[in-house]
């Protein structure tokens, strides 16, 4: 996305705003789906993110990329939705869980990806968010920190803890299947 489109969107140009939303909506939906595990809830979260994005766009100063800044909005929307609906992670949605594969699963069908999704669902919220942003959305450590509104050192520690936990759980799974 170019600077002219961004500035036009900030001034209220609907075409420019639509362009920005079109460029970012898949990112918001993927993140929301990875956190909520339900396609309908993820769509609601992505829509709410778009509304807040447009409402707050004038306050965007460029300290991070627009994608990173907007993912910060998406994180807050997902957290609020979880609190309002008293939801845990994607593994705790029970009968609300969407049985269709995520875009990652569809692209990388296989047992390991399915196992990884289950293991990610069991991580604490911040660890799961940091892994999704860093490795699935390909944000840098600094971008992940900005999106989550924490220091880069905190993200490094959180990712380290999450990876250690995932590694332990995966090795336990291998031991159980032997």
N, C-alpha and C. Protein backbone atom coordinates (compact mmCIF):
# COMPACT_ATOMS: atom_id res chain seq x y z
N UNK A 1 0.83 -1.16 0.00
CA UNK A 1 0.00 0.00 0.00
C UNK A 1 0.89 1.24 0.00
N UNK A 2 0.48 2.18 -0.78
CA UNK A 2 1.32 3.36 -0.95
C UNK A 2 0.88 4.49 -0.03
N UNK A 3 1.76 5.45 0.13
CA UNK A 3 1.54 6.58 1.03
C UNK A 3 0.35 7.44 0.58
N UNK A 4 0.15 7.58 -0.73
CA UNK A 4 -0.97 8.39 -1.23
C UNK A 4 -2.31 7.77 -0.84
N UNK A 5 -2.40 6.46 -0.95
CA UNK A 5 -3.64 5.77 -0.57
C UNK A 5 -3.90 5.94 0.92
N UNK A 6 -2.86 5.78 1.71
CA UNK A 6 -2.99 5.94 3.15
C UNK A 6 -3.46 7.34 3.51
N UNK A 7 -2.82 8.35 2.94
CA UNK A 7 -3.20 9.74 3.25
C UNK A 7 -4.63 10.04 2.78
N UNK A 8 -5.00 9.53 1.62
CA UNK A 8 -6.37 9.73 1.13
C UNK A 8 -7.37 9.06 2.07
N UNK A 9 -7.04 7.86 2.54
CA UNK A 9 -7.92 7.14 3.47
C UNK A 9 -8.07 7.91 4.77
N UNK A 10 -6.99 8.50 5.25
CA UNK A 10 -7.05 9.30 6.48
C UNK A 10 -7.96 10.52 6.31
N UNK A 11 -7.99 11.06 5.08
CA UNK A 11 -8.85 12.22 4.80
C UNK A 11 -10.31 11.82 4.59
N UNK A 12 -10.58 10.51 4.57
CA UNK A 12 -11.96 10.04 4.44
C UNK A 12 -12.34 9.55 3.06
N UNK A 13 -11.39 9.44 2.15
CA UNK A 13 -11.66 8.93 0.81
C UNK A 13 -12.10 7.46 0.91
N UNK A 14 -13.34 7.21 0.54
CA UNK A 14 -13.91 5.85 0.69
C UNK A 14 -13.21 4.81 -0.18
N UNK A 15 -12.81 5.19 -1.36
CA UNK A 15 -12.10 4.23 -2.23
C UNK A 15 -10.76 3.84 -1.62
N UNK A 16 -10.06 4.80 -1.09
CA UNK A 16 -8.77 4.52 -0.46
C UNK A 16 -8.97 3.66 0.78
N UNK A 17 -10.00 3.97 1.56
CA UNK A 17 -10.29 3.17 2.74
C UNK A 17 -10.63 1.73 2.35
N UNK A 18 -11.42 1.58 1.30
CA UNK A 18 -11.77 0.23 0.82
C UNK A 18 -10.53 -0.53 0.36
N UNK A 19 -9.60 0.17 -0.27
CA UNK A 19 -8.36 -0.46 -0.71
C UNK A 19 -7.57 -0.98 0.50
N UNK A 20 -7.43 -0.16 1.52
CA UNK A 20 -6.69 -0.57 2.72
C UNK A 20 -7.36 -1.77 3.40
N UNK A 21 -8.67 -1.70 3.52
CA UNK A 21 -9.39 -2.81 4.16
C UNK A 21 -9.24 -4.08 3.34
N UNK A 22 -9.37 -3.97 2.03
CA UNK A 22 -9.20 -5.14 1.16
C UNK A 22 -7.80 -5.75 1.33
N UNK A 23 -6.80 -4.90 1.48
CA UNK A 23 -5.42 -5.38 1.63
C UNK A 23 -5.18 -6.05 2.99
N UNK A 24 -5.93 -5.66 4.01
CA UNK A 24 -5.67 -6.13 5.37
C UNK A 24 -6.68 -7.13 5.92
N UNK A 25 -7.85 -7.23 5.32
CA UNK A 25 -8.91 -8.04 5.91
C UNK A 25 -8.55 -9.52 6.04
N UNK A 26 -7.80 -10.08 5.11
CA UNK A 26 -7.40 -11.48 5.22
C UNK A 26 -6.47 -11.70 6.42
N UNK A 27 -5.59 -10.75 6.68
CA UNK A 27 -4.68 -10.84 7.82
C UNK A 27 -5.49 -10.84 9.11
N UNK A 28 -6.46 -9.93 9.21
CA UNK A 28 -7.30 -9.86 10.41
C UNK A 28 -8.10 -11.13 10.60
N UNK A 29 -8.66 -11.64 9.50
CA UNK A 29 -9.48 -12.86 9.59
C UNK A 29 -8.62 -14.06 10.00
N UNK A 30 -7.46 -14.22 9.36
CA UNK A 30 -6.58 -15.35 9.71
C UNK A 30 -6.19 -15.31 11.18
N UNK A 31 -5.80 -14.12 11.64
CA UNK A 31 -5.41 -13.99 13.04
C UNK A 31 -6.60 -14.33 13.94
N UNK A 32 -7.76 -13.78 13.66
CA UNK A 32 -8.94 -14.02 14.48
C UNK A 32 -9.33 -15.49 14.47
N UNK A 33 -9.27 -16.12 13.32
CA UNK A 33 -9.61 -17.54 13.22
C UNK A 33 -8.62 -18.38 14.03
N UNK A 34 -7.35 -18.02 13.97
CA UNK A 34 -6.34 -18.78 14.72
C UNK A 34 -6.55 -18.64 16.22
N UNK A 35 -7.13 -17.52 16.65
CA UNK A 35 -7.34 -17.28 18.08
C UNK A 35 -8.69 -17.79 18.57
N UNK A 36 -9.70 -17.76 17.70
CA UNK A 36 -11.06 -18.10 18.12
C UNK A 36 -11.49 -19.50 17.69
N UNK A 37 -10.91 -20.00 16.60
CA UNK A 37 -11.24 -21.35 16.14
C UNK A 37 -12.64 -21.49 15.56
N UNK A 38 -13.27 -20.39 15.19
CA UNK A 38 -14.63 -20.42 14.68
C UNK A 38 -14.74 -19.40 13.55
N UNK A 39 -15.16 -19.85 12.38
CA UNK A 39 -15.20 -18.98 11.21
C UNK A 39 -16.15 -17.81 11.38
N UNK A 40 -17.32 -18.05 11.97
CA UNK A 40 -18.28 -16.96 12.15
C UNK A 40 -17.77 -15.91 13.13
N UNK A 41 -17.21 -16.36 14.24
CA UNK A 41 -16.66 -15.42 15.22
C UNK A 41 -15.47 -14.67 14.62
N UNK A 42 -14.66 -15.37 13.83
CA UNK A 42 -13.51 -14.72 13.19
C UNK A 42 -13.97 -13.65 12.21
N UNK A 43 -15.03 -13.94 11.47
CA UNK A 43 -15.57 -12.95 10.53
C UNK A 43 -16.10 -11.73 11.30
N UNK A 44 -16.78 -11.98 12.41
CA UNK A 44 -17.28 -10.87 13.25
C UNK A 44 -16.11 -10.04 13.77
N UNK A 45 -15.05 -10.72 14.22
CA UNK A 45 -13.89 -10.01 14.75
C UNK A 45 -13.20 -9.20 13.66
N UNK A 46 -13.08 -9.77 12.47
CA UNK A 46 -12.45 -9.04 11.36
C UNK A 46 -13.28 -7.82 10.97
N UNK A 47 -14.60 -7.97 11.00
CA UNK A 47 -15.47 -6.84 10.68
C UNK A 47 -15.34 -5.73 11.74
N UNK A 48 -15.32 -6.11 13.00
CA UNK A 48 -15.16 -5.12 14.08
C UNK A 48 -13.79 -4.45 13.98
N UNK A 49 -12.77 -5.24 13.61
CA UNK A 49 -11.43 -4.67 13.42
C UNK A 49 -11.47 -3.62 12.32
N UNK A 50 -12.17 -3.91 11.22
CA UNK A 50 -12.26 -2.96 10.11
C UNK A 50 -12.93 -1.66 10.56
N UNK A 51 -13.98 -1.78 11.35
CA UNK A 51 -14.68 -0.58 11.84
C UNK A 51 -13.77 0.27 12.72
N UNK A 52 -13.08 -0.39 13.63
CA UNK A 52 -12.17 0.34 14.52
C UNK A 52 -10.98 0.91 13.75
N UNK A 53 -10.52 0.15 12.77
CA UNK A 53 -9.42 0.60 11.91
C UNK A 53 -9.79 1.92 11.25
N UNK A 54 -10.98 1.96 10.66
CA UNK A 54 -11.42 3.19 10.00
C UNK A 54 -11.62 4.32 11.00
N UNK A 55 -12.19 4.01 12.15
CA UNK A 55 -12.43 5.02 13.18
C UNK A 55 -11.11 5.65 13.67
N UNK A 56 -10.08 4.81 13.82
CA UNK A 56 -8.83 5.26 14.43
C UNK A 56 -7.73 5.59 13.42
N UNK A 57 -8.01 5.45 12.14
CA UNK A 57 -6.97 5.60 11.11
C UNK A 57 -6.27 6.96 11.18
N UNK A 58 -6.99 8.00 11.51
CA UNK A 58 -6.37 9.33 11.59
C UNK A 58 -5.27 9.40 12.65
N UNK A 59 -5.35 8.50 13.64
CA UNK A 59 -4.34 8.52 14.71
C UNK A 59 -3.08 7.72 14.34
N UNK A 60 -3.10 7.02 13.21
CA UNK A 60 -1.92 6.26 12.78
C UNK A 60 -0.81 7.23 12.40
N UNK A 61 0.34 7.08 13.07
CA UNK A 61 1.47 8.00 12.87
C UNK A 61 2.65 7.38 12.13
N UNK A 62 2.58 6.09 11.86
CA UNK A 62 3.65 5.46 11.11
C UNK A 62 4.81 4.97 11.94
N UNK A 63 4.64 4.85 13.25
CA UNK A 63 5.72 4.33 14.12
C UNK A 63 5.97 2.85 13.84
N UNK A 64 4.99 2.19 13.25
CA UNK A 64 5.11 0.80 12.81
C UNK A 64 4.44 0.71 11.45
N UNK A 65 4.46 -0.46 10.86
CA UNK A 65 3.76 -0.61 9.58
C UNK A 65 2.26 -0.58 9.83
N UNK A 66 1.50 -0.28 8.82
CA UNK A 66 0.04 -0.25 8.94
C UNK A 66 -0.48 -1.64 9.32
N UNK A 67 0.13 -2.68 8.76
CA UNK A 67 -0.27 -4.06 9.09
C UNK A 67 -0.07 -4.33 10.57
N UNK A 68 1.08 -3.97 11.10
CA UNK A 68 1.38 -4.18 12.51
C UNK A 68 0.41 -3.40 13.39
N UNK A 69 0.21 -2.14 13.07
CA UNK A 69 -0.71 -1.30 13.83
C UNK A 69 -2.12 -1.89 13.81
N UNK A 70 -2.57 -2.33 12.64
CA UNK A 70 -3.93 -2.86 12.54
C UNK A 70 -4.06 -4.21 13.25
N UNK A 71 -3.00 -4.99 13.29
CA UNK A 71 -3.05 -6.25 14.05
C UNK A 71 -3.17 -5.98 15.55
N UNK A 72 -2.63 -4.86 16.00
CA UNK A 72 -2.84 -4.47 17.40
C UNK A 72 -4.32 -4.26 17.69
N UNK A 73 -5.03 -3.66 16.74
CA UNK A 73 -6.48 -3.48 16.88
C UNK A 73 -7.15 -4.85 16.91
N UNK A 74 -6.75 -5.72 16.00
CA UNK A 74 -7.34 -7.06 15.92
C UNK A 74 -7.13 -7.85 17.22
N UNK A 75 -5.95 -7.74 17.80
CA UNK A 75 -5.66 -8.42 19.07
C UNK A 75 -6.66 -7.97 20.13
N UNK A 76 -6.87 -6.66 20.23
CA UNK A 76 -7.80 -6.13 21.23
C UNK A 76 -9.23 -6.59 20.97
N UNK A 77 -9.64 -6.60 19.72
CA UNK A 77 -10.99 -7.05 19.37
C UNK A 77 -11.19 -8.51 19.78
N UNK A 78 -10.22 -9.37 19.45
CA UNK A 78 -10.32 -10.79 19.79
C UNK A 78 -10.36 -10.97 21.31
N UNK A 79 -9.52 -10.27 22.02
CA UNK A 79 -9.51 -10.38 23.49
C UNK A 79 -10.87 -9.95 24.07
N UNK A 80 -11.41 -8.85 23.57
CA UNK A 80 -12.71 -8.39 24.06
C UNK A 80 -13.82 -9.39 23.74
N UNK A 81 -13.78 -9.95 22.55
CA UNK A 81 -14.78 -10.94 22.15
C UNK A 81 -14.71 -12.17 23.05
N UNK A 82 -13.50 -12.61 23.34
CA UNK A 82 -13.33 -13.75 24.25
C UNK A 82 -13.89 -13.46 25.63
N UNK A 83 -13.59 -12.26 26.13
CA UNK A 83 -14.10 -11.88 27.47
C UNK A 83 -15.62 -11.80 27.48
N UNK A 84 -16.19 -11.13 26.48
CA UNK A 84 -17.64 -10.96 26.42
C UNK A 84 -18.36 -12.30 26.32
N UNK A 85 -17.80 -13.21 25.56
CA UNK A 85 -18.45 -14.51 25.36
C UNK A 85 -17.91 -15.58 26.30
N UNK A 86 -17.01 -15.15 27.18
CA UNK A 86 -16.40 -16.07 28.15
C UNK A 86 -15.77 -17.28 27.45
N UNK A 87 -15.01 -16.97 26.41
CA UNK A 87 -14.33 -18.01 25.64
C UNK A 87 -12.89 -18.12 26.10
N UNK A 88 -12.37 -19.32 26.02
CA UNK A 88 -10.94 -19.54 26.24
C UNK A 88 -10.25 -19.45 24.90
N UNK A 89 -9.26 -20.30 24.70
CA UNK A 89 -8.58 -20.36 23.42
C UNK A 89 -9.39 -21.15 22.43
N UNK A 90 -8.88 -21.33 21.21
CA UNK A 90 -9.62 -22.05 20.18
C UNK A 90 -9.92 -23.49 20.56
N UNK A 91 -9.17 -24.09 21.45
CA UNK A 91 -9.43 -25.46 21.85
C UNK A 91 -10.55 -25.58 22.86
N UNK A 92 -11.05 -24.44 23.38
CA UNK A 92 -12.07 -24.45 24.42
C UNK A 92 -13.43 -24.01 23.91
N UNK A 93 -13.63 -23.95 22.61
CA UNK A 93 -14.89 -23.47 22.08
C UNK A 93 -15.98 -24.53 22.06
N UNK A 94 -15.61 -25.76 22.30
CA UNK A 94 -16.60 -26.82 22.36
C UNK A 94 -17.34 -26.97 21.06
N UNK A 95 -18.68 -27.01 21.14
CA UNK A 95 -19.47 -27.25 19.94
C UNK A 95 -19.53 -26.05 19.01
N UNK A 96 -18.97 -24.89 19.43
CA UNK A 96 -18.91 -23.74 18.55
C UNK A 96 -17.74 -23.83 17.59
N UNK A 97 -16.80 -24.73 17.85
CA UNK A 97 -15.59 -24.81 17.05
C UNK A 97 -15.91 -25.12 15.60
N UNK A 98 -15.21 -24.46 14.73
CA UNK A 98 -15.37 -24.67 13.30
C UNK A 98 -14.57 -25.89 12.89
N UNK A 99 -15.21 -26.82 12.23
CA UNK A 99 -14.54 -28.05 11.83
C UNK A 99 -13.78 -27.91 10.52
N UNK A 100 -14.02 -26.83 9.78
CA UNK A 100 -13.32 -26.66 8.52
C UNK A 100 -11.87 -26.30 8.77
N UNK A 101 -10.97 -26.73 7.88
CA UNK A 101 -9.55 -26.45 8.09
C UNK A 101 -9.25 -24.97 7.92
N UNK A 102 -8.26 -24.49 8.67
CA UNK A 102 -7.83 -23.11 8.51
C UNK A 102 -7.08 -22.99 7.19
N UNK A 103 -6.79 -21.77 6.75
CA UNK A 103 -6.01 -21.62 5.52
C UNK A 103 -4.65 -22.31 5.60
N UNK A 104 -4.04 -22.29 6.79
CA UNK A 104 -2.75 -22.96 6.95
C UNK A 104 -2.91 -24.46 6.75
N UNK A 105 -3.96 -25.04 7.37
CA UNK A 105 -4.19 -26.48 7.21
C UNK A 105 -4.49 -26.85 5.76
N UNK A 106 -5.28 -26.01 5.11
CA UNK A 106 -5.62 -26.30 3.72
C UNK A 106 -4.38 -26.29 2.84
N UNK A 107 -3.47 -25.37 3.11
CA UNK A 107 -2.25 -25.27 2.31
C UNK A 107 -1.24 -26.35 2.68
N UNK A 108 -1.24 -26.78 3.90
CA UNK A 108 -0.24 -27.73 4.39
C UNK A 108 -0.91 -28.93 5.06
N UNK A 109 -1.79 -29.61 4.32
CA UNK A 109 -2.48 -30.72 4.94
C UNK A 109 -1.47 -31.71 5.47
N UNK A 110 -1.79 -32.25 6.61
CA UNK A 110 -0.92 -33.25 7.21
C UNK A 110 -1.10 -33.30 8.71
N UNK A 111 -0.67 -34.38 9.24
CA UNK A 111 -0.82 -34.64 10.66
C UNK A 111 -0.05 -33.64 11.53
N UNK A 112 1.14 -33.24 11.11
CA UNK A 112 1.94 -32.32 11.92
C UNK A 112 1.26 -30.96 12.07
N UNK A 113 0.66 -30.46 11.00
CA UNK A 113 -0.01 -29.16 11.07
C UNK A 113 -1.23 -29.26 11.98
N UNK A 114 -1.97 -30.36 11.88
CA UNK A 114 -3.13 -30.55 12.75
C UNK A 114 -2.68 -30.64 14.20
N UNK A 115 -1.60 -31.35 14.45
CA UNK A 115 -1.07 -31.47 15.81
C UNK A 115 -0.62 -30.10 16.32
N UNK A 116 0.02 -29.33 15.46
CA UNK A 116 0.48 -28.00 15.86
C UNK A 116 -0.70 -27.10 16.23
N UNK A 117 -1.79 -27.16 15.48
CA UNK A 117 -2.98 -26.37 15.80
C UNK A 117 -3.52 -26.71 17.18
N UNK A 118 -3.56 -27.99 17.49
CA UNK A 118 -4.05 -28.42 18.80
C UNK A 118 -3.12 -27.91 19.90
N UNK A 119 -1.83 -28.05 19.67
CA UNK A 119 -0.86 -27.61 20.67
C UNK A 119 -0.89 -26.09 20.86
N UNK A 120 -1.05 -25.35 19.77
CA UNK A 120 -1.15 -23.89 19.87
C UNK A 120 -2.38 -23.48 20.68
N UNK A 121 -3.46 -24.20 20.50
CA UNK A 121 -4.70 -23.88 21.23
C UNK A 121 -4.51 -24.02 22.73
N UNK A 122 -3.59 -24.88 23.15
CA UNK A 122 -3.35 -25.10 24.58
C UNK A 122 -2.39 -24.08 25.20
N UNK A 123 -1.75 -23.27 24.39
CA UNK A 123 -0.83 -22.27 24.93
C UNK A 123 -1.60 -21.14 25.60
N UNK A 124 -0.99 -20.48 26.57
CA UNK A 124 -1.60 -19.27 27.14
C UNK A 124 -1.80 -18.23 26.03
N UNK A 125 -2.78 -17.37 26.20
CA UNK A 125 -3.19 -16.39 25.19
C UNK A 125 -2.01 -15.61 24.59
N UNK A 126 -1.19 -15.00 25.42
CA UNK A 126 -0.09 -14.16 24.90
C UNK A 126 0.95 -14.99 24.14
N UNK A 127 1.23 -16.19 24.61
CA UNK A 127 2.17 -17.05 23.89
C UNK A 127 1.60 -17.41 22.52
N UNK A 128 0.32 -17.78 22.49
CA UNK A 128 -0.31 -18.16 21.22
C UNK A 128 -0.31 -16.97 20.26
N UNK A 129 -0.67 -15.78 20.76
CA UNK A 129 -0.68 -14.58 19.92
C UNK A 129 0.70 -14.29 19.35
N UNK A 130 1.72 -14.39 20.20
CA UNK A 130 3.07 -14.06 19.73
C UNK A 130 3.55 -15.05 18.68
N UNK A 131 3.24 -16.33 18.84
CA UNK A 131 3.63 -17.33 17.84
C UNK A 131 2.91 -17.09 16.52
N UNK A 132 1.61 -16.83 16.59
CA UNK A 132 0.83 -16.59 15.37
C UNK A 132 1.36 -15.36 14.62
N UNK A 133 1.57 -14.27 15.34
CA UNK A 133 2.05 -13.05 14.69
C UNK A 133 3.46 -13.21 14.13
N UNK A 134 4.32 -13.82 14.91
CA UNK A 134 5.73 -13.92 14.52
C UNK A 134 5.94 -14.91 13.38
N UNK A 135 5.31 -16.09 13.47
CA UNK A 135 5.62 -17.14 12.51
C UNK A 135 4.56 -17.36 11.43
N UNK A 136 3.30 -17.11 11.73
CA UNK A 136 2.25 -17.31 10.73
C UNK A 136 2.00 -16.04 9.93
N UNK A 137 2.13 -14.88 10.59
CA UNK A 137 1.95 -13.61 9.89
C UNK A 137 3.28 -12.98 9.50
N UNK A 138 4.38 -13.65 9.85
CA UNK A 138 5.73 -13.23 9.46
C UNK A 138 6.11 -11.83 9.91
N UNK A 139 5.66 -11.44 11.10
CA UNK A 139 6.09 -10.16 11.63
C UNK A 139 7.45 -10.34 12.29
N UNK A 140 8.23 -9.29 12.30
CA UNK A 140 9.51 -9.33 13.01
C UNK A 140 9.22 -9.30 14.51
N UNK A 141 10.26 -9.50 15.31
CA UNK A 141 10.10 -9.41 16.77
C UNK A 141 9.62 -8.00 17.14
N UNK A 142 10.22 -6.97 16.55
CA UNK A 142 9.82 -5.60 16.86
C UNK A 142 8.37 -5.33 16.45
N UNK A 143 7.97 -5.82 15.27
CA UNK A 143 6.60 -5.62 14.81
C UNK A 143 5.61 -6.36 15.71
N UNK A 144 5.97 -7.58 16.11
CA UNK A 144 5.12 -8.35 17.02
C UNK A 144 4.97 -7.61 18.34
N UNK A 145 6.07 -7.06 18.84
CA UNK A 145 6.03 -6.31 20.09
C UNK A 145 5.12 -5.09 19.97
N UNK A 146 5.23 -4.37 18.86
CA UNK A 146 4.39 -3.19 18.67
C UNK A 146 2.92 -3.59 18.57
N UNK A 147 2.63 -4.65 17.83
CA UNK A 147 1.24 -5.10 17.69
C UNK A 147 0.64 -5.49 19.03
N UNK A 148 1.47 -6.11 19.89
CA UNK A 148 0.98 -6.58 21.19
C UNK A 148 1.18 -5.54 22.29
N UNK A 149 1.80 -4.42 21.93
CA UNK A 149 2.02 -3.31 22.86
C UNK A 149 2.88 -3.72 24.07
N UNK A 150 3.97 -4.42 23.77
CA UNK A 150 4.94 -4.82 24.80
C UNK A 150 6.35 -4.59 24.25
N UNK A 151 7.34 -4.74 25.10
CA UNK A 151 8.73 -4.55 24.69
C UNK A 151 9.22 -5.74 23.87
N UNK A 152 10.16 -5.52 22.95
CA UNK A 152 10.71 -6.62 22.16
C UNK A 152 11.30 -7.74 23.03
N UNK A 153 11.94 -7.38 24.14
CA UNK A 153 12.49 -8.40 25.03
C UNK A 153 11.40 -9.30 25.61
N UNK A 154 10.25 -8.71 25.86
CA UNK A 154 9.11 -9.50 26.36
C UNK A 154 8.67 -10.49 25.30
N UNK A 155 8.63 -10.06 24.06
CA UNK A 155 8.23 -10.94 22.96
C UNK A 155 9.24 -12.08 22.81
N UNK A 156 10.52 -11.74 22.87
CA UNK A 156 11.54 -12.79 22.76
C UNK A 156 11.36 -13.84 23.85
N UNK A 157 11.14 -13.38 25.07
CA UNK A 157 10.96 -14.32 26.19
C UNK A 157 9.67 -15.12 26.03
N UNK A 158 8.60 -14.46 25.59
CA UNK A 158 7.32 -15.13 25.41
C UNK A 158 7.41 -16.19 24.33
N UNK A 159 8.06 -15.85 23.22
CA UNK A 159 8.22 -16.82 22.13
C UNK A 159 9.10 -17.97 22.58
N UNK A 160 10.16 -17.67 23.31
CA UNK A 160 11.03 -18.72 23.82
C UNK A 160 10.25 -19.69 24.71
N UNK A 161 9.44 -19.15 25.61
CA UNK A 161 8.62 -20.00 26.48
C UNK A 161 7.64 -20.83 25.68
N UNK A 162 7.00 -20.20 24.70
CA UNK A 162 6.01 -20.90 23.88
C UNK A 162 6.67 -22.03 23.09
N UNK A 163 7.81 -21.75 22.48
CA UNK A 163 8.49 -22.78 21.70
C UNK A 163 8.97 -23.92 22.57
N UNK A 164 9.46 -23.59 23.76
CA UNK A 164 9.88 -24.63 24.69
C UNK A 164 8.69 -25.51 25.09
N UNK A 165 7.56 -24.88 25.35
CA UNK A 165 6.35 -25.61 25.72
C UNK A 165 5.88 -26.49 24.56
N UNK A 166 5.89 -25.93 23.34
CA UNK A 166 5.47 -26.71 22.17
C UNK A 166 6.40 -27.90 21.94
N UNK A 167 7.70 -27.67 22.10
CA UNK A 167 8.67 -28.75 21.90
C UNK A 167 8.43 -29.87 22.92
N UNK A 168 8.20 -29.50 24.17
CA UNK A 168 7.94 -30.49 25.22
C UNK A 168 6.68 -31.28 24.91
N UNK A 169 5.62 -30.57 24.54
CA UNK A 169 4.35 -31.24 24.23
C UNK A 169 4.47 -32.14 23.01
N UNK A 170 5.20 -31.68 22.01
CA UNK A 170 5.38 -32.50 20.80
C UNK A 170 6.19 -33.75 21.11
N UNK A 171 7.22 -33.63 21.93
CA UNK A 171 8.02 -34.82 22.25
C UNK A 171 7.20 -35.78 23.11
N UNK A 172 6.34 -35.27 23.98
CA UNK A 172 5.45 -36.15 24.75
C UNK A 172 4.51 -36.89 23.82
N UNK A 173 4.01 -36.19 22.83
CA UNK A 173 3.09 -36.81 21.85
C UNK A 173 3.75 -37.93 21.09
N UNK A 174 5.03 -37.74 20.74
CA UNK A 174 5.78 -38.79 20.04
C UNK A 174 5.97 -40.01 20.95
N UNK A 175 6.27 -39.73 22.22
CA UNK A 175 6.47 -40.82 23.17
C UNK A 175 5.19 -41.63 23.34
N UNK A 176 4.05 -40.94 23.35
CA UNK A 176 2.76 -41.63 23.54
C UNK A 176 2.37 -42.46 22.33
N UNK A 177 2.78 -42.02 21.14
CA UNK A 177 2.38 -42.74 19.92
C UNK A 177 3.31 -43.92 19.64
N UNK A 178 4.44 -44.02 20.32
CA UNK A 178 5.39 -45.12 20.08
C UNK A 178 4.90 -46.40 20.65
